Amino acid sequence: MSVSTPIKDVIIRNLTVHHDDRGYLMEILRDDSPTFTKFGQVYLVGDVARGTVRAFHRHQELIDWFFISHGTAKFVLVDGRDDSPTYRNYQIIVAGDRKPVCITVPPGVWHGWMALTDDTQLISVASVSHDPSKLDEQRVEPEYFNYMKRFWEIEFK
């Protein structure tokens, strides 16, 4: 597994930015979007410093939608679904305020992200509200996938 490949059911949807003399407007997620299922909660993760890694976890039922509202981040996803044709494949996505996308992460896919700029801000929508009494989330350390260590480094091109 040395090449980032698309993971089954992960959707990267480019967003359209509408500009006028008042600024800009961008729809991130709509209830009539083909990637949307149902709403649970929305949260903001902010003031994240460059190089900070927030990884890895996956859900059994919850779907996540991620959007970087400020700054830039690198997402790393690993397919942890035994029955998936892309099982154990990984996918790398760079997103940010200059490359606006909405990332849909299905249940069973490990995911994490690293801020590539200071003051990175992430908006996340979850299909169900977080309930600590339900064990929908499984977490592992960022180094859990040994072959992934190098992906938290920045590639110079």
N, C-alpha and C. Protein backbone atom coordinates (compact mmCIF):
# COMPACT_ATOMS: atom_id res chain seq x y z
N MET A 1 0.83 -1.18 0.00
CA MET A 1 0.00 0.00 0.00
C MET A 1 0.88 1.24 0.00
N SER A 2 1.38 1.61 -1.16
CA SER A 2 2.25 2.77 -1.21
C SER A 2 1.66 3.93 -2.00
N VAL A 3 0.46 3.78 -2.52
CA VAL A 3 -0.15 4.85 -3.30
C VAL A 3 -1.53 5.15 -2.74
N SER A 4 -1.81 6.43 -2.59
CA SER A 4 -3.14 6.84 -2.15
C SER A 4 -4.14 6.52 -3.24
N THR A 5 -5.21 5.80 -2.89
CA THR A 5 -6.24 5.43 -3.85
C THR A 5 -7.60 5.79 -3.30
N PRO A 6 -8.58 6.04 -4.17
CA PRO A 6 -9.93 6.32 -3.68
C PRO A 6 -10.48 5.15 -2.86
N ILE A 7 -11.17 5.46 -1.79
CA ILE A 7 -11.79 4.45 -0.94
C ILE A 7 -13.27 4.41 -1.27
N LYS A 8 -13.80 3.21 -1.39
CA LYS A 8 -15.22 3.02 -1.71
C LYS A 8 -16.09 3.80 -0.72
N ASP A 9 -17.05 4.53 -1.21
CA ASP A 9 -18.03 5.29 -0.46
C ASP A 9 -17.51 6.60 0.14
N VAL A 10 -16.21 6.89 0.03
CA VAL A 10 -15.70 8.20 0.44
C VAL A 10 -15.97 9.14 -0.73
N ILE A 11 -16.57 10.27 -0.44
CA ILE A 11 -16.95 11.21 -1.50
C ILE A 11 -16.27 12.55 -1.23
N ILE A 12 -15.57 13.06 -2.24
CA ILE A 12 -14.97 14.38 -2.18
C ILE A 12 -15.77 15.24 -3.15
N ARG A 13 -16.54 16.17 -2.61
CA ARG A 13 -17.40 17.00 -3.45
C ARG A 13 -16.85 18.42 -3.49
N ASN A 14 -16.42 18.85 -4.70
CA ASN A 14 -15.94 20.22 -4.86
C ASN A 14 -17.10 21.18 -4.59
N LEU A 15 -16.78 22.28 -3.95
CA LEU A 15 -17.80 23.26 -3.60
C LEU A 15 -17.69 24.49 -4.49
N THR A 16 -18.81 25.12 -4.74
CA THR A 16 -18.86 26.32 -5.58
C THR A 16 -18.92 27.54 -4.68
N VAL A 17 -18.03 28.48 -4.96
CA VAL A 17 -17.99 29.73 -4.21
C VAL A 17 -18.62 30.81 -5.07
N HIS A 18 -19.60 31.52 -4.51
CA HIS A 18 -20.29 32.61 -5.20
C HIS A 18 -19.77 33.93 -4.63
N HIS A 19 -19.12 34.75 -5.48
CA HIS A 19 -18.54 36.02 -5.06
C HIS A 19 -19.39 37.18 -5.56
N ASP A 20 -19.48 38.22 -4.77
CA ASP A 20 -20.02 39.50 -5.22
C ASP A 20 -19.39 40.60 -4.38
N ASP A 21 -19.88 41.81 -4.50
CA ASP A 21 -19.24 42.93 -3.80
C ASP A 21 -19.42 42.89 -2.28
N ARG A 22 -20.23 41.97 -1.79
CA ARG A 22 -20.42 41.82 -0.33
C ARG A 22 -19.52 40.76 0.27
N GLY A 23 -18.83 39.97 -0.58
CA GLY A 23 -17.99 38.89 -0.09
C GLY A 23 -18.29 37.61 -0.85
N TYR A 24 -18.35 36.50 -0.14
CA TYR A 24 -18.65 35.24 -0.82
C TYR A 24 -19.60 34.39 0.00
N LEU A 25 -20.23 33.46 -0.69
CA LEU A 25 -21.17 32.52 -0.08
C LEU A 25 -20.89 31.14 -0.68
N MET A 26 -20.94 30.12 0.17
CA MET A 26 -20.68 28.77 -0.29
C MET A 26 -21.57 27.80 0.49
N GLU A 27 -22.30 26.95 -0.23
CA GLU A 27 -23.08 25.91 0.43
C GLU A 27 -22.14 24.73 0.69
N ILE A 28 -22.14 24.24 1.92
CA ILE A 28 -21.27 23.13 2.28
C ILE A 28 -22.01 21.81 2.17
N LEU A 29 -23.20 21.73 2.75
CA LEU A 29 -23.98 20.49 2.76
C LEU A 29 -25.45 20.84 2.78
N ARG A 30 -26.22 20.15 1.95
CA ARG A 30 -27.66 20.37 1.87
C ARG A 30 -28.38 19.05 2.12
N ASP A 31 -29.61 19.16 2.59
CA ASP A 31 -30.38 17.94 2.84
C ASP A 31 -30.81 17.23 1.56
N ASP A 32 -30.71 17.91 0.41
CA ASP A 32 -31.03 17.25 -0.86
C ASP A 32 -29.77 16.83 -1.63
N SER A 33 -28.61 16.92 -0.98
CA SER A 33 -27.37 16.46 -1.59
C SER A 33 -27.36 14.93 -1.62
N PRO A 34 -26.86 14.33 -2.70
CA PRO A 34 -26.83 12.86 -2.77
C PRO A 34 -25.94 12.23 -1.69
N THR A 35 -25.06 13.02 -1.07
CA THR A 35 -24.19 12.47 -0.02
C THR A 35 -24.80 12.57 1.37
N PHE A 36 -25.93 13.28 1.51
CA PHE A 36 -26.51 13.53 2.83
C PHE A 36 -27.49 12.42 3.22
N THR A 37 -27.46 12.02 4.48
CA THR A 37 -28.42 11.02 4.97
C THR A 37 -29.35 11.63 6.01
N LYS A 38 -28.79 12.04 7.14
CA LYS A 38 -29.59 12.70 8.17
C LYS A 38 -28.66 13.52 9.05
N PHE A 39 -29.25 14.43 9.78
CA PHE A 39 -28.50 15.36 10.60
C PHE A 39 -28.45 14.92 12.06
N GLY A 40 -27.30 15.02 12.67
CA GLY A 40 -27.16 14.74 14.10
C GLY A 40 -26.65 15.96 14.85
N GLN A 41 -25.47 16.46 14.44
CA GLN A 41 -24.89 17.63 15.10
C GLN A 41 -23.85 18.26 14.20
N VAL A 42 -23.53 19.53 14.49
CA VAL A 42 -22.48 20.26 13.80
C VAL A 42 -21.51 20.76 14.86
N TYR A 43 -20.21 20.64 14.59
CA TYR A 43 -19.25 21.22 15.52
C TYR A 43 -18.10 21.85 14.78
N LEU A 44 -17.38 22.73 15.47
CA LEU A 44 -16.26 23.47 14.93
C LEU A 44 -15.03 23.12 15.76
N VAL A 45 -13.93 22.79 15.08
CA VAL A 45 -12.64 22.60 15.73
C VAL A 45 -11.78 23.75 15.24
N GLY A 46 -11.29 24.59 16.14
CA GLY A 46 -10.59 25.77 15.70
C GLY A 46 -9.28 26.01 16.40
N ASP A 47 -8.55 27.01 15.89
CA ASP A 47 -7.27 27.44 16.43
C ASP A 47 -6.25 26.30 16.47
N VAL A 48 -6.30 25.45 15.45
CA VAL A 48 -5.40 24.30 15.40
C VAL A 48 -4.09 24.74 14.77
N ALA A 49 -2.98 24.48 15.46
CA ALA A 49 -1.66 24.91 15.00
C ALA A 49 -1.11 23.97 13.92
N ARG A 50 -0.32 24.54 13.03
CA ARG A 50 0.32 23.77 11.97
C ARG A 50 1.06 22.57 12.58
N GLY A 51 0.87 21.41 11.96
CA GLY A 51 1.54 20.18 12.40
C GLY A 51 0.76 19.38 13.43
N THR A 52 -0.33 19.93 13.94
CA THR A 52 -1.15 19.19 14.92
C THR A 52 -1.90 18.08 14.20
N VAL A 53 -1.79 16.86 14.74
CA VAL A 53 -2.46 15.69 14.16
C VAL A 53 -3.61 15.30 15.08
N ARG A 54 -4.77 15.11 14.49
CA ARG A 54 -5.95 14.63 15.22
C ARG A 54 -6.37 13.33 14.53
N ALA A 55 -5.89 12.22 15.07
CA ALA A 55 -6.13 10.94 14.40
C ALA A 55 -5.93 9.79 15.38
N PHE A 56 -6.35 8.65 15.06
CA PHE A 56 -7.33 8.12 14.12
C PHE A 56 -8.55 7.63 14.88
N HIS A 57 -9.70 7.67 14.25
CA HIS A 57 -10.88 7.03 14.80
C HIS A 57 -11.81 6.64 13.66
N ARG A 58 -12.75 5.76 13.98
CA ARG A 58 -13.78 5.36 13.03
C ARG A 58 -15.07 5.14 13.79
N HIS A 59 -16.16 5.11 13.05
CA HIS A 59 -17.48 4.92 13.64
C HIS A 59 -18.11 3.66 13.09
N GLN A 60 -19.03 3.08 13.87
CA GLN A 60 -19.77 1.91 13.40
C GLN A 60 -20.99 2.32 12.59
N GLU A 61 -21.64 3.42 12.96
CA GLU A 61 -22.87 3.85 12.28
C GLU A 61 -22.82 5.29 11.78
N LEU A 62 -22.12 6.15 12.45
CA LEU A 62 -22.11 7.58 12.15
C LEU A 62 -21.38 7.87 10.84
N ILE A 63 -21.92 8.80 10.07
CA ILE A 63 -21.28 9.34 8.88
C ILE A 63 -20.77 10.73 9.24
N ASP A 64 -19.54 11.05 8.83
CA ASP A 64 -18.96 12.38 9.05
C ASP A 64 -18.87 13.11 7.72
N TRP A 65 -19.13 14.42 7.78
CA TRP A 65 -18.86 15.31 6.66
C TRP A 65 -17.90 16.36 7.18
N PHE A 66 -16.78 16.59 6.49
CA PHE A 66 -15.76 17.53 6.94
C PHE A 66 -15.57 18.65 5.93
N PHE A 67 -15.33 19.85 6.46
CA PHE A 67 -15.08 21.04 5.64
C PHE A 67 -14.06 21.91 6.38
N ILE A 68 -13.01 22.32 5.70
CA ILE A 68 -12.03 23.24 6.28
C ILE A 68 -12.47 24.66 5.94
N SER A 69 -12.84 25.43 6.96
CA SER A 69 -13.34 26.79 6.73
C SER A 69 -12.23 27.82 6.73
N HIS A 70 -11.10 27.49 7.34
CA HIS A 70 -9.97 28.43 7.39
C HIS A 70 -8.69 27.61 7.46
N GLY A 71 -7.72 27.97 6.63
CA GLY A 71 -6.45 27.26 6.63
C GLY A 71 -6.46 26.08 5.67
N THR A 72 -5.56 25.14 5.93
CA THR A 72 -5.41 23.97 5.07
C THR A 72 -5.12 22.76 5.93
N ALA A 73 -5.62 21.60 5.51
CA ALA A 73 -5.39 20.37 6.26
C ALA A 73 -5.18 19.20 5.32
N LYS A 74 -4.48 18.20 5.83
CA LYS A 74 -4.28 16.94 5.12
C LYS A 74 -5.09 15.88 5.86
N PHE A 75 -6.00 15.23 5.14
CA PHE A 75 -6.80 14.15 5.70
C PHE A 75 -6.19 12.82 5.26
N VAL A 76 -6.15 11.87 6.17
CA VAL A 76 -5.71 10.52 5.85
C VAL A 76 -6.84 9.59 6.26
N LEU A 77 -7.29 8.75 5.31
CA LEU A 77 -8.37 7.80 5.56
C LEU A 77 -7.86 6.40 5.24
N VAL A 78 -8.26 5.44 6.05
CA VAL A 78 -7.90 4.04 5.83
C VAL A 78 -9.18 3.22 5.91
N ASP A 79 -9.42 2.42 4.89
CA ASP A 79 -10.64 1.61 4.85
C ASP A 79 -10.49 0.43 5.81
N GLY A 80 -11.29 0.43 6.87
CA GLY A 80 -11.26 -0.63 7.87
C GLY A 80 -12.44 -1.58 7.78
N ARG A 81 -13.14 -1.58 6.63
CA ARG A 81 -14.31 -2.44 6.46
C ARG A 81 -13.90 -3.73 5.77
N ASP A 82 -13.98 -4.84 6.51
CA ASP A 82 -13.56 -6.15 5.99
C ASP A 82 -14.22 -6.52 4.67
N ASP A 83 -15.47 -6.11 4.48
CA ASP A 83 -16.23 -6.51 3.29
C ASP A 83 -16.10 -5.52 2.12
N SER A 84 -15.24 -4.52 2.25
CA SER A 84 -15.09 -3.50 1.22
C SER A 84 -14.05 -3.91 0.18
N PRO A 85 -14.28 -3.59 -1.09
CA PRO A 85 -13.28 -3.89 -2.12
C PRO A 85 -12.01 -3.05 -1.95
N THR A 86 -12.08 -1.97 -1.15
CA THR A 86 -10.90 -1.15 -0.92
C THR A 86 -10.35 -1.34 0.50
N TYR A 87 -10.67 -2.47 1.13
CA TYR A 87 -10.22 -2.77 2.50
C TYR A 87 -8.71 -2.57 2.62
N ARG A 88 -8.29 -1.85 3.64
CA ARG A 88 -6.91 -1.53 3.99
C ARG A 88 -6.25 -0.52 3.05
N ASN A 89 -6.94 -0.05 2.00
CA ASN A 89 -6.40 1.01 1.17
C ASN A 89 -6.44 2.31 1.96
N TYR A 90 -5.58 3.24 1.59
CA TYR A 90 -5.63 4.56 2.21
C TYR A 90 -5.85 5.61 1.16
N GLN A 91 -6.36 6.76 1.60
CA GLN A 91 -6.62 7.89 0.71
C GLN A 91 -6.16 9.15 1.42
N ILE A 92 -5.47 10.00 0.68
CA ILE A 92 -5.00 11.28 1.22
C ILE A 92 -5.72 12.40 0.47
N ILE A 93 -6.23 13.35 1.24
CA ILE A 93 -6.96 14.48 0.66
C ILE A 93 -6.42 15.75 1.30
N VAL A 94 -6.02 16.71 0.48
CA VAL A 94 -5.63 18.03 0.98
C VAL A 94 -6.77 18.97 0.68
N ALA A 95 -7.24 19.66 1.70
CA ALA A 95 -8.39 20.56 1.56
C ALA A 95 -8.12 21.83 2.33
N GLY A 96 -8.80 22.89 1.93
CA GLY A 96 -8.63 24.14 2.65
C GLY A 96 -9.51 25.23 2.11
N ASP A 97 -9.32 26.43 2.65
CA ASP A 97 -10.17 27.54 2.23
C ASP A 97 -9.90 27.97 0.79
N ARG A 98 -8.77 27.57 0.22
CA ARG A 98 -8.50 27.87 -1.19
C ARG A 98 -8.84 26.69 -2.10
N LYS A 99 -9.17 25.57 -1.51
CA LYS A 99 -9.61 24.39 -2.26
C LYS A 99 -10.79 23.80 -1.50
N PRO A 100 -11.96 24.46 -1.55
CA PRO A 100 -13.08 24.04 -0.72
C PRO A 100 -13.74 22.76 -1.21
N VAL A 101 -13.78 21.78 -0.33
CA VAL A 101 -14.46 20.51 -0.62
C VAL A 101 -15.21 20.09 0.63
N CYS A 102 -16.20 19.23 0.42
CA CYS A 102 -16.89 18.57 1.52
C CYS A 102 -16.54 17.09 1.41
N ILE A 103 -15.96 16.53 2.46
CA ILE A 103 -15.51 15.14 2.47
C ILE A 103 -16.53 14.31 3.24
N THR A 104 -17.06 13.28 2.60
CA THR A 104 -17.99 12.35 3.25
C THR A 104 -17.21 11.11 3.65
N VAL A 105 -17.21 10.80 4.96
CA VAL A 105 -16.51 9.62 5.47
C VAL A 105 -17.56 8.64 6.01
N PRO A 106 -17.69 7.48 5.36
CA PRO A 106 -18.69 6.50 5.79
C PRO A 106 -18.26 5.74 7.04
N PRO A 107 -19.20 5.05 7.68
CA PRO A 107 -18.86 4.22 8.83
C PRO A 107 -17.80 3.18 8.45
N GLY A 108 -16.91 2.88 9.40
CA GLY A 108 -15.90 1.85 9.19
C GLY A 108 -14.60 2.34 8.59
N VAL A 109 -14.55 3.59 8.15
CA VAL A 109 -13.33 4.15 7.56
C VAL A 109 -12.60 4.95 8.64
N TRP A 110 -11.35 4.54 8.93
CA TRP A 110 -10.51 5.27 9.87
C TRP A 110 -10.20 6.63 9.26
N HIS A 111 -10.22 7.68 10.08
CA HIS A 111 -9.91 8.99 9.55
C HIS A 111 -9.22 9.86 10.59
N GLY A 112 -8.39 10.74 10.05
CA GLY A 112 -7.69 11.71 10.87
C GLY A 112 -7.21 12.83 9.99
N TRP A 113 -6.73 13.89 10.60
CA TRP A 113 -6.27 15.02 9.82
C TRP A 113 -5.16 15.76 10.54
N MET A 114 -4.38 16.50 9.74
CA MET A 114 -3.29 17.31 10.26
C MET A 114 -3.41 18.72 9.70
N ALA A 115 -3.27 19.71 10.55
CA ALA A 115 -3.29 21.10 10.12
C ALA A 115 -1.99 21.40 9.36
N LEU A 116 -2.13 21.97 8.18
CA LEU A 116 -0.96 22.36 7.39
C LEU A 116 -0.65 23.84 7.54
N THR A 117 -1.55 24.59 8.17
CA THR A 117 -1.34 26.02 8.43
C THR A 117 -1.77 26.30 9.86
N ASP A 118 -1.24 27.38 10.43
CA ASP A 118 -1.69 27.80 11.75
C ASP A 118 -3.13 28.29 11.66
N ASP A 119 -3.83 28.16 12.77
CA ASP A 119 -5.23 28.60 12.89
C ASP A 119 -6.15 27.90 11.90
N THR A 120 -5.90 26.63 11.64
CA THR A 120 -6.80 25.85 10.80
C THR A 120 -8.10 25.61 11.55
N GLN A 121 -9.21 25.72 10.83
CA GLN A 121 -10.53 25.51 11.43
C GLN A 121 -11.32 24.51 10.61
N LEU A 122 -11.90 23.54 11.28
CA LEU A 122 -12.67 22.48 10.64
C LEU A 122 -14.11 22.53 11.11
N ILE A 123 -15.03 22.43 10.17
CA ILE A 123 -16.45 22.27 10.50
C ILE A 123 -16.80 20.83 10.20
N SER A 124 -17.43 20.18 11.16
CA SER A 124 -17.82 18.79 10.98
C SER A 124 -19.32 18.65 11.23
N VAL A 125 -19.96 17.89 10.36
CA VAL A 125 -21.36 17.54 10.53
C VAL A 125 -21.41 16.03 10.74
N ALA A 126 -22.14 15.60 11.73
CA ALA A 126 -22.29 14.18 12.03
C ALA A 126 -23.73 13.76 11.77
N SER A 127 -23.90 12.53 11.29
CA SER A 127 -25.24 12.05 10.95
C SER A 127 -26.09 11.78 12.19
N VAL A 128 -25.44 11.55 13.33
CA VAL A 128 -26.15 11.36 14.60
C VAL A 128 -25.42 12.12 15.69
N SER A 129 -26.14 12.52 16.72
CA SER A 129 -25.53 13.22 17.84
C SER A 129 -24.61 12.29 18.62
N HIS A 130 -23.49 12.85 19.06
CA HIS A 130 -22.54 12.06 19.85
C HIS A 130 -23.18 11.69 21.19
N ASP A 131 -23.13 10.43 21.52
CA ASP A 131 -23.67 9.94 22.79
C ASP A 131 -22.60 9.07 23.43
N PRO A 132 -21.90 9.58 24.47
CA PRO A 132 -20.80 8.82 25.08
C PRO A 132 -21.22 7.46 25.64
N SER A 133 -22.51 7.29 25.91
CA SER A 133 -22.96 5.99 26.45
C SER A 133 -23.04 4.92 25.36
N LYS A 134 -23.04 5.35 24.10
CA LYS A 134 -23.04 4.41 22.98
C LYS A 134 -21.62 4.33 22.43
N LEU A 135 -21.12 3.15 22.27
CA LEU A 135 -19.74 2.98 21.83
C LEU A 135 -19.65 2.89 20.31
N ASP A 136 -20.02 3.98 19.64
CA ASP A 136 -19.97 4.01 18.18
C ASP A 136 -18.57 4.31 17.67
N GLU A 137 -17.71 4.87 18.52
CA GLU A 137 -16.40 5.32 18.08
C GLU A 137 -15.29 4.43 18.61
N GLN A 138 -14.35 4.12 17.74
CA GLN A 138 -13.15 3.37 18.12
C GLN A 138 -11.96 4.25 17.79
N ARG A 139 -11.01 4.39 18.72
CA ARG A 139 -9.84 5.26 18.52
C ARG A 139 -8.54 4.45 18.58
N VAL A 140 -7.57 4.91 17.80
CA VAL A 140 -6.21 4.38 17.86
C VAL A 140 -5.25 5.57 17.73
N GLU A 141 -3.99 5.37 18.08
CA GLU A 141 -2.98 6.41 18.00
C GLU A 141 -2.61 6.73 16.55
N PRO A 142 -2.10 7.94 16.29
CA PRO A 142 -1.71 8.31 14.92
C PRO A 142 -0.68 7.35 14.30
N GLU A 143 0.10 6.65 15.14
CA GLU A 143 1.13 5.73 14.64
C GLU A 143 0.60 4.31 14.46
N TYR A 144 -0.68 4.08 14.72
CA TYR A 144 -1.25 2.73 14.67
C TYR A 144 -0.98 2.04 13.34
N PHE A 145 -1.13 2.78 12.26
CA PHE A 145 -0.85 2.23 10.94
C PHE A 145 0.61 2.56 10.64
N ASN A 146 1.52 1.63 10.95
CA ASN A 146 2.95 1.90 10.84
C ASN A 146 3.35 2.48 9.50
N TYR A 147 2.76 1.97 8.43
CA TYR A 147 3.12 2.45 7.11
C TYR A 147 2.61 3.86 6.85
N MET A 148 1.80 4.40 7.76
CA MET A 148 1.22 5.72 7.57
C MET A 148 2.10 6.84 8.13
N LYS A 149 3.09 6.53 8.96
CA LYS A 149 3.86 7.58 9.64
C LYS A 149 4.33 8.67 8.68
N ARG A 150 4.81 8.28 7.51
CA ARG A 150 5.36 9.25 6.58
C ARG A 150 4.29 10.18 6.02
N PHE A 151 3.03 9.83 6.12
CA PHE A 151 2.00 10.66 5.54
C PHE A 151 1.65 11.86 6.40
N TRP A 152 2.15 11.90 7.62
CA TRP A 152 1.97 13.10 8.43
C TRP A 152 3.07 14.09 8.15
N GLU A 153 4.04 13.72 7.29
CA GLU A 153 5.08 14.66 6.89
C GLU A 153 4.59 15.41 5.65
N ILE A 154 5.16 16.60 5.44
CA ILE A 154 4.76 17.41 4.30
C ILE A 154 5.67 17.07 3.12
N GLU A 155 5.05 16.79 1.97
CA GLU A 155 5.79 16.52 0.74
C GLU A 155 6.07 17.83 0.04
N PHE A 156 7.33 18.06 -0.27
CA PHE A 156 7.68 19.27 -1.03
C PHE A 156 7.69 18.91 -2.50
N LYS A 157 7.02 19.73 -3.29
CA LYS A 157 6.92 19.46 -4.73
C LYS A 157 7.43 20.62 -5.53
